[in-house]
Amino acid sequence: MNHSILVLDDDIHVRESLVISLEDEDFDVFEAESSEAALDFLDKKQVDMVIVDLRLPGMNGTDFIDSASVKWPEIKFIIYTGSPEFSIPVNLAPVDNVSNLVFLKPLPSSDVMINEIRRMLA
């Protein structure tokens, strides 16, 4: 069975390039352009992981992770951001379903993220 991943990013180019990389690795990939759209999607379809941008219109990425992890505690989260100064917030650091690695845009290679996805979903 393939693992399913939701890519949450408001930048269509970043989102589509990540979707293509993940599909090449045989993941079932879905996309959302806002936290609100992602929450609506998760109400209808279960996924194993969400890759979350932080700066989003409306609800930001950390608030999205807070809400989604309460409602769907089995989902894993990876943070993918353009903010080099970002570090995992104190409230999310001890949470098992959030990767301690923060991935910065643009990714020079998707290999490190793919390895972390596989580790978290194993």
N, C-alpha and C. Protein backbone atom coordinates (compact mmCIF):
# COMPACT_ATOMS: atom_id res chain seq x y z
N MET A 1 0.83 -1.20 0.00
CA MET A 1 0.00 0.00 0.00
C MET A 1 0.87 1.26 0.00
N ASN A 2 0.53 2.19 -0.87
CA ASN A 2 1.29 3.45 -0.92
C ASN A 2 0.87 4.37 0.21
N HIS A 3 1.83 5.12 0.70
CA HIS A 3 1.51 6.15 1.70
C HIS A 3 0.98 7.38 0.97
N SER A 4 0.09 8.11 1.65
CA SER A 4 -0.48 9.31 1.04
C SER A 4 0.01 10.55 1.78
N ILE A 5 0.28 11.59 0.98
CA ILE A 5 0.84 12.83 1.51
C ILE A 5 0.07 14.01 0.95
N LEU A 6 -0.25 14.95 1.83
CA LEU A 6 -0.88 16.21 1.42
C LEU A 6 0.19 17.30 1.48
N VAL A 7 0.37 18.02 0.38
CA VAL A 7 1.32 19.14 0.34
C VAL A 7 0.52 20.43 0.50
N LEU A 8 0.81 21.16 1.58
CA LEU A 8 0.12 22.40 1.90
C LEU A 8 1.07 23.57 1.69
N ASP A 9 0.87 24.30 0.59
CA ASP A 9 1.70 25.46 0.27
C ASP A 9 0.91 26.39 -0.63
N ASP A 10 0.98 27.70 -0.36
CA ASP A 10 0.22 28.64 -1.18
C ASP A 10 0.93 29.00 -2.47
N ASP A 11 2.20 28.64 -2.62
CA ASP A 11 2.95 28.91 -3.85
C ASP A 11 2.79 27.72 -4.79
N ILE A 12 2.07 27.94 -5.89
CA ILE A 12 1.75 26.83 -6.80
C ILE A 12 3.00 26.17 -7.38
N HIS A 13 4.06 26.95 -7.64
CA HIS A 13 5.27 26.39 -8.23
C HIS A 13 6.00 25.47 -7.24
N VAL A 14 6.10 25.91 -5.99
CA VAL A 14 6.72 25.09 -4.95
C VAL A 14 5.89 23.82 -4.75
N ARG A 15 4.58 24.01 -4.66
CA ARG A 15 3.66 22.89 -4.41
C ARG A 15 3.78 21.85 -5.53
N GLU A 16 3.70 22.31 -6.77
CA GLU A 16 3.72 21.36 -7.89
C GLU A 16 5.06 20.65 -8.02
N SER A 17 6.15 21.35 -7.75
CA SER A 17 7.46 20.70 -7.87
C SER A 17 7.62 19.63 -6.78
N LEU A 18 7.12 19.91 -5.59
CA LEU A 18 7.18 18.92 -4.51
C LEU A 18 6.26 17.74 -4.82
N VAL A 19 5.08 18.01 -5.35
CA VAL A 19 4.14 16.94 -5.73
C VAL A 19 4.80 16.00 -6.74
N ILE A 20 5.46 16.56 -7.75
CA ILE A 20 6.11 15.73 -8.78
C ILE A 20 7.21 14.87 -8.16
N SER A 21 8.04 15.46 -7.29
CA SER A 21 9.12 14.70 -6.63
C SER A 21 8.56 13.54 -5.81
N LEU A 22 7.47 13.80 -5.09
CA LEU A 22 6.87 12.76 -4.23
C LEU A 22 6.18 11.68 -5.07
N GLU A 23 5.53 12.09 -6.15
CA GLU A 23 4.90 11.10 -7.03
C GLU A 23 5.96 10.20 -7.66
N ASP A 24 7.12 10.78 -7.99
CA ASP A 24 8.22 9.98 -8.54
C ASP A 24 8.70 8.91 -7.56
N GLU A 25 8.45 9.14 -6.27
CA GLU A 25 8.83 8.17 -5.23
C GLU A 25 7.67 7.23 -4.89
N ASP A 26 6.61 7.25 -5.71
CA ASP A 26 5.45 6.37 -5.56
C ASP A 26 4.56 6.67 -4.36
N PHE A 27 4.55 7.92 -3.89
CA PHE A 27 3.58 8.31 -2.87
C PHE A 27 2.30 8.75 -3.59
N ASP A 28 1.16 8.60 -2.92
CA ASP A 28 -0.09 9.18 -3.41
C ASP A 28 -0.11 10.60 -2.87
N VAL A 29 -0.13 11.58 -3.76
CA VAL A 29 0.05 12.97 -3.33
C VAL A 29 -1.16 13.83 -3.67
N PHE A 30 -1.53 14.67 -2.71
CA PHE A 30 -2.64 15.61 -2.86
C PHE A 30 -2.10 16.99 -2.53
N GLU A 31 -2.84 18.03 -2.91
CA GLU A 31 -2.35 19.38 -2.62
C GLU A 31 -3.44 20.30 -2.13
N ALA A 32 -3.03 21.27 -1.32
CA ALA A 32 -3.94 22.30 -0.81
C ALA A 32 -3.17 23.62 -0.77
N GLU A 33 -3.89 24.73 -1.05
CA GLU A 33 -3.23 26.04 -1.12
C GLU A 33 -3.41 26.86 0.14
N SER A 34 -4.21 26.35 1.10
CA SER A 34 -4.41 27.08 2.36
C SER A 34 -4.69 26.07 3.47
N SER A 35 -4.49 26.53 4.71
CA SER A 35 -4.79 25.67 5.87
C SER A 35 -6.25 25.28 5.88
N GLU A 36 -7.11 26.26 5.56
CA GLU A 36 -8.54 26.00 5.56
C GLU A 36 -8.91 24.93 4.53
N ALA A 37 -8.32 25.02 3.32
CA ALA A 37 -8.57 24.01 2.28
C ALA A 37 -8.03 22.65 2.72
N ALA A 38 -6.89 22.64 3.41
CA ALA A 38 -6.31 21.38 3.88
C ALA A 38 -7.19 20.73 4.94
N LEU A 39 -7.73 21.54 5.86
CA LEU A 39 -8.62 20.99 6.89
C LEU A 39 -9.89 20.42 6.26
N ASP A 40 -10.44 21.12 5.26
CA ASP A 40 -11.61 20.61 4.54
C ASP A 40 -11.27 19.28 3.86
N PHE A 41 -10.10 19.22 3.22
CA PHE A 41 -9.67 18.00 2.54
C PHE A 41 -9.56 16.85 3.53
N LEU A 42 -8.94 17.11 4.69
CA LEU A 42 -8.74 16.06 5.69
C LEU A 42 -10.05 15.57 6.30
N ASP A 43 -11.08 16.40 6.26
CA ASP A 43 -12.40 15.95 6.71
C ASP A 43 -12.95 14.87 5.79
N LYS A 44 -12.51 14.87 4.53
CA LYS A 44 -13.04 13.95 3.53
C LYS A 44 -12.12 12.76 3.24
N LYS A 45 -10.81 12.99 3.37
CA LYS A 45 -9.84 11.96 2.96
C LYS A 45 -8.72 11.87 3.98
N GLN A 46 -8.38 10.65 4.34
CA GLN A 46 -7.29 10.45 5.30
C GLN A 46 -5.95 10.38 4.56
N VAL A 47 -4.93 11.02 5.12
CA VAL A 47 -3.57 10.91 4.59
C VAL A 47 -2.65 10.50 5.74
N ASP A 48 -1.44 10.04 5.37
CA ASP A 48 -0.46 9.63 6.37
C ASP A 48 0.38 10.80 6.86
N MET A 49 0.56 11.80 5.98
CA MET A 49 1.47 12.90 6.30
C MET A 49 1.02 14.17 5.60
N VAL A 50 1.33 15.32 6.24
CA VAL A 50 1.14 16.62 5.59
C VAL A 50 2.47 17.35 5.63
N ILE A 51 2.91 17.85 4.47
CA ILE A 51 4.09 18.71 4.40
C ILE A 51 3.55 20.14 4.40
N VAL A 52 3.96 20.92 5.41
CA VAL A 52 3.31 22.19 5.72
C VAL A 52 4.23 23.39 5.53
N ASP A 53 3.80 24.33 4.70
CA ASP A 53 4.45 25.64 4.61
C ASP A 53 3.97 26.42 5.83
N LEU A 54 4.77 27.36 6.31
CA LEU A 54 4.38 28.10 7.51
C LEU A 54 3.63 29.39 7.20
N ARG A 55 4.14 30.14 6.23
CA ARG A 55 3.50 31.42 5.91
C ARG A 55 2.41 31.17 4.87
N LEU A 56 1.20 31.18 5.35
CA LEU A 56 0.05 30.89 4.49
C LEU A 56 -0.98 32.01 4.68
N PRO A 57 -1.81 32.24 3.66
CA PRO A 57 -2.90 33.20 3.85
C PRO A 57 -3.88 32.62 4.87
N GLY A 58 -4.48 33.46 5.69
CA GLY A 58 -5.41 32.94 6.71
C GLY A 58 -4.63 32.27 7.83
N MET A 59 -5.04 31.07 8.19
CA MET A 59 -4.38 30.32 9.27
C MET A 59 -2.95 29.94 8.88
N ASN A 60 -1.98 30.24 9.77
CA ASN A 60 -0.59 29.89 9.44
C ASN A 60 -0.31 28.40 9.67
N GLY A 61 0.87 27.96 9.25
CA GLY A 61 1.20 26.53 9.29
C GLY A 61 1.26 25.93 10.68
N THR A 62 1.81 26.68 11.67
CA THR A 62 1.88 26.09 13.02
C THR A 62 0.49 25.95 13.62
N ASP A 63 -0.40 26.92 13.37
CA ASP A 63 -1.78 26.80 13.85
C ASP A 63 -2.49 25.63 13.16
N PHE A 64 -2.20 25.45 11.87
CA PHE A 64 -2.77 24.32 11.14
C PHE A 64 -2.35 23.00 11.79
N ILE A 65 -1.04 22.87 12.08
CA ILE A 65 -0.54 21.63 12.69
C ILE A 65 -1.20 21.41 14.04
N ASP A 66 -1.33 22.49 14.84
CA ASP A 66 -2.01 22.37 16.14
C ASP A 66 -3.42 21.81 15.96
N SER A 67 -4.21 22.41 15.06
CA SER A 67 -5.60 21.97 14.86
C SER A 67 -5.67 20.56 14.31
N ALA A 68 -4.89 20.30 13.25
CA ALA A 68 -4.98 19.00 12.58
C ALA A 68 -4.50 17.87 13.47
N SER A 69 -3.45 18.11 14.28
CA SER A 69 -2.94 17.02 15.10
C SER A 69 -3.87 16.68 16.25
N VAL A 70 -4.71 17.63 16.67
CA VAL A 70 -5.72 17.32 17.69
C VAL A 70 -6.82 16.45 17.08
N LYS A 71 -7.25 16.83 15.87
CA LYS A 71 -8.35 16.14 15.20
C LYS A 71 -7.92 14.79 14.61
N TRP A 72 -6.69 14.73 14.08
CA TRP A 72 -6.17 13.51 13.45
C TRP A 72 -4.78 13.20 14.03
N PRO A 73 -4.72 12.64 15.23
CA PRO A 73 -3.43 12.44 15.91
C PRO A 73 -2.49 11.46 15.19
N GLU A 74 -3.01 10.67 14.27
CA GLU A 74 -2.17 9.70 13.57
C GLU A 74 -1.39 10.31 12.41
N ILE A 75 -1.75 11.50 11.97
CA ILE A 75 -1.06 12.14 10.84
C ILE A 75 0.31 12.66 11.29
N LYS A 76 1.30 12.48 10.41
CA LYS A 76 2.66 13.00 10.64
C LYS A 76 2.80 14.33 9.88
N PHE A 77 3.68 15.19 10.39
CA PHE A 77 3.88 16.52 9.78
C PHE A 77 5.35 16.83 9.57
N ILE A 78 5.63 17.42 8.41
CA ILE A 78 6.97 17.95 8.11
C ILE A 78 6.79 19.42 7.76
N ILE A 79 7.67 20.26 8.29
CA ILE A 79 7.61 21.70 8.02
C ILE A 79 8.58 22.03 6.91
N TYR A 80 8.07 22.78 5.92
CA TYR A 80 8.84 23.17 4.74
C TYR A 80 8.63 24.67 4.58
N THR A 81 9.67 25.46 4.82
CA THR A 81 9.48 26.91 4.89
C THR A 81 10.57 27.69 4.17
N GLY A 82 10.24 28.92 3.82
CA GLY A 82 11.22 29.83 3.24
C GLY A 82 11.86 30.71 4.30
N SER A 83 11.56 30.45 5.57
CA SER A 83 12.09 31.28 6.67
C SER A 83 13.30 30.61 7.32
N PRO A 84 14.52 31.03 6.96
CA PRO A 84 15.71 30.36 7.49
C PRO A 84 15.86 30.50 9.00
N GLU A 85 15.24 31.53 9.59
CA GLU A 85 15.36 31.73 11.04
C GLU A 85 14.36 30.89 11.83
N PHE A 86 13.48 30.16 11.15
CA PHE A 86 12.45 29.39 11.84
C PHE A 86 13.04 28.20 12.58
N SER A 87 12.56 27.95 13.78
CA SER A 87 12.85 26.69 14.46
C SER A 87 11.53 26.14 15.00
N ILE A 88 11.52 24.87 15.31
CA ILE A 88 10.29 24.21 15.76
C ILE A 88 9.79 24.92 17.02
N PRO A 89 8.53 25.35 17.04
CA PRO A 89 7.99 26.01 18.24
C PRO A 89 8.03 25.06 19.45
N VAL A 90 8.19 25.65 20.61
CA VAL A 90 8.28 24.88 21.85
C VAL A 90 7.10 23.93 22.02
N ASN A 91 5.89 24.40 21.65
CA ASN A 91 4.72 23.53 21.84
C ASN A 91 4.70 22.34 20.88
N LEU A 92 5.42 22.44 19.75
CA LEU A 92 5.43 21.32 18.79
C LEU A 92 6.65 20.42 18.95
N ALA A 93 7.72 20.92 19.57
CA ALA A 93 8.97 20.15 19.67
C ALA A 93 8.78 18.76 20.29
N PRO A 94 8.01 18.63 21.37
CA PRO A 94 7.88 17.30 21.97
C PRO A 94 6.85 16.39 21.27
N VAL A 95 6.17 16.91 20.28
CA VAL A 95 5.11 16.14 19.63
C VAL A 95 5.72 15.11 18.67
N ASP A 96 5.41 13.82 18.91
CA ASP A 96 6.02 12.74 18.12
C ASP A 96 5.70 12.79 16.64
N ASN A 97 4.54 13.34 16.30
CA ASN A 97 4.14 13.29 14.90
C ASN A 97 4.65 14.47 14.07
N VAL A 98 5.49 15.34 14.67
CA VAL A 98 6.07 16.47 13.93
C VAL A 98 7.57 16.24 13.83
N SER A 99 8.09 16.25 12.58
CA SER A 99 9.53 16.06 12.38
C SER A 99 10.31 17.18 13.05
N ASN A 100 11.43 16.83 13.67
CA ASN A 100 12.31 17.84 14.27
C ASN A 100 13.18 18.51 13.22
N LEU A 101 13.17 17.99 12.00
CA LEU A 101 13.92 18.62 10.91
C LEU A 101 13.01 19.65 10.24
N VAL A 102 13.57 20.84 10.01
CA VAL A 102 12.84 21.87 9.28
C VAL A 102 13.50 21.97 7.91
N PHE A 103 12.72 21.81 6.84
CA PHE A 103 13.27 21.88 5.50
C PHE A 103 13.08 23.27 4.93
N LEU A 104 14.17 23.82 4.37
CA LEU A 104 14.14 25.18 3.84
C LEU A 104 13.96 25.17 2.33
N LYS A 105 13.12 26.11 1.86
CA LYS A 105 12.93 26.29 0.42
C LYS A 105 14.05 27.17 -0.11
N PRO A 106 14.48 26.96 -1.32
CA PRO A 106 14.18 25.77 -2.14
C PRO A 106 15.08 24.61 -1.71
N LEU A 107 14.56 23.41 -1.82
CA LEU A 107 15.36 22.23 -1.50
C LEU A 107 16.37 22.01 -2.61
N PRO A 108 17.68 21.92 -2.28
CA PRO A 108 18.67 21.65 -3.34
C PRO A 108 18.43 20.27 -3.94
N SER A 109 17.95 19.34 -3.10
CA SER A 109 17.63 17.99 -3.56
C SER A 109 16.53 17.48 -2.63
N SER A 110 15.62 16.70 -3.17
CA SER A 110 14.53 16.21 -2.34
C SER A 110 14.93 14.97 -1.53
N ASP A 111 16.15 14.46 -1.74
CA ASP A 111 16.58 13.20 -1.10
C ASP A 111 16.46 13.23 0.42
N VAL A 112 16.93 14.31 1.05
CA VAL A 112 16.91 14.37 2.52
C VAL A 112 15.48 14.36 3.03
N MET A 113 14.59 15.12 2.35
CA MET A 113 13.19 15.13 2.76
C MET A 113 12.56 13.76 2.53
N ILE A 114 12.83 13.13 1.40
CA ILE A 114 12.28 11.80 1.11
C ILE A 114 12.73 10.80 2.19
N ASN A 115 13.99 10.88 2.59
CA ASN A 115 14.49 9.98 3.64
C ASN A 115 13.75 10.21 4.96
N GLU A 116 13.50 11.48 5.31
CA GLU A 116 12.78 11.79 6.54
C GLU A 116 11.32 11.32 6.45
N ILE A 117 10.71 11.47 5.29
CA ILE A 117 9.33 10.99 5.09
C ILE A 117 9.29 9.48 5.32
N ARG A 118 10.22 8.76 4.67
CA ARG A 118 10.24 7.31 4.80
C ARG A 118 10.49 6.89 6.26
N ARG A 119 11.40 7.61 6.95
CA ARG A 119 11.69 7.30 8.36
C ARG A 119 10.44 7.48 9.21
N MET A 120 9.74 8.59 9.01
CA MET A 120 8.56 8.87 9.83
C MET A 120 7.39 7.93 9.55
N LEU A 121 7.28 7.48 8.31
CA LEU A 121 6.16 6.61 7.94
C LEU A 121 6.45 5.12 8.13
N ALA A 122 7.70 4.81 8.47
CA ALA A 122 8.09 3.39 8.63
C ALA A 122 7.40 2.75 9.83
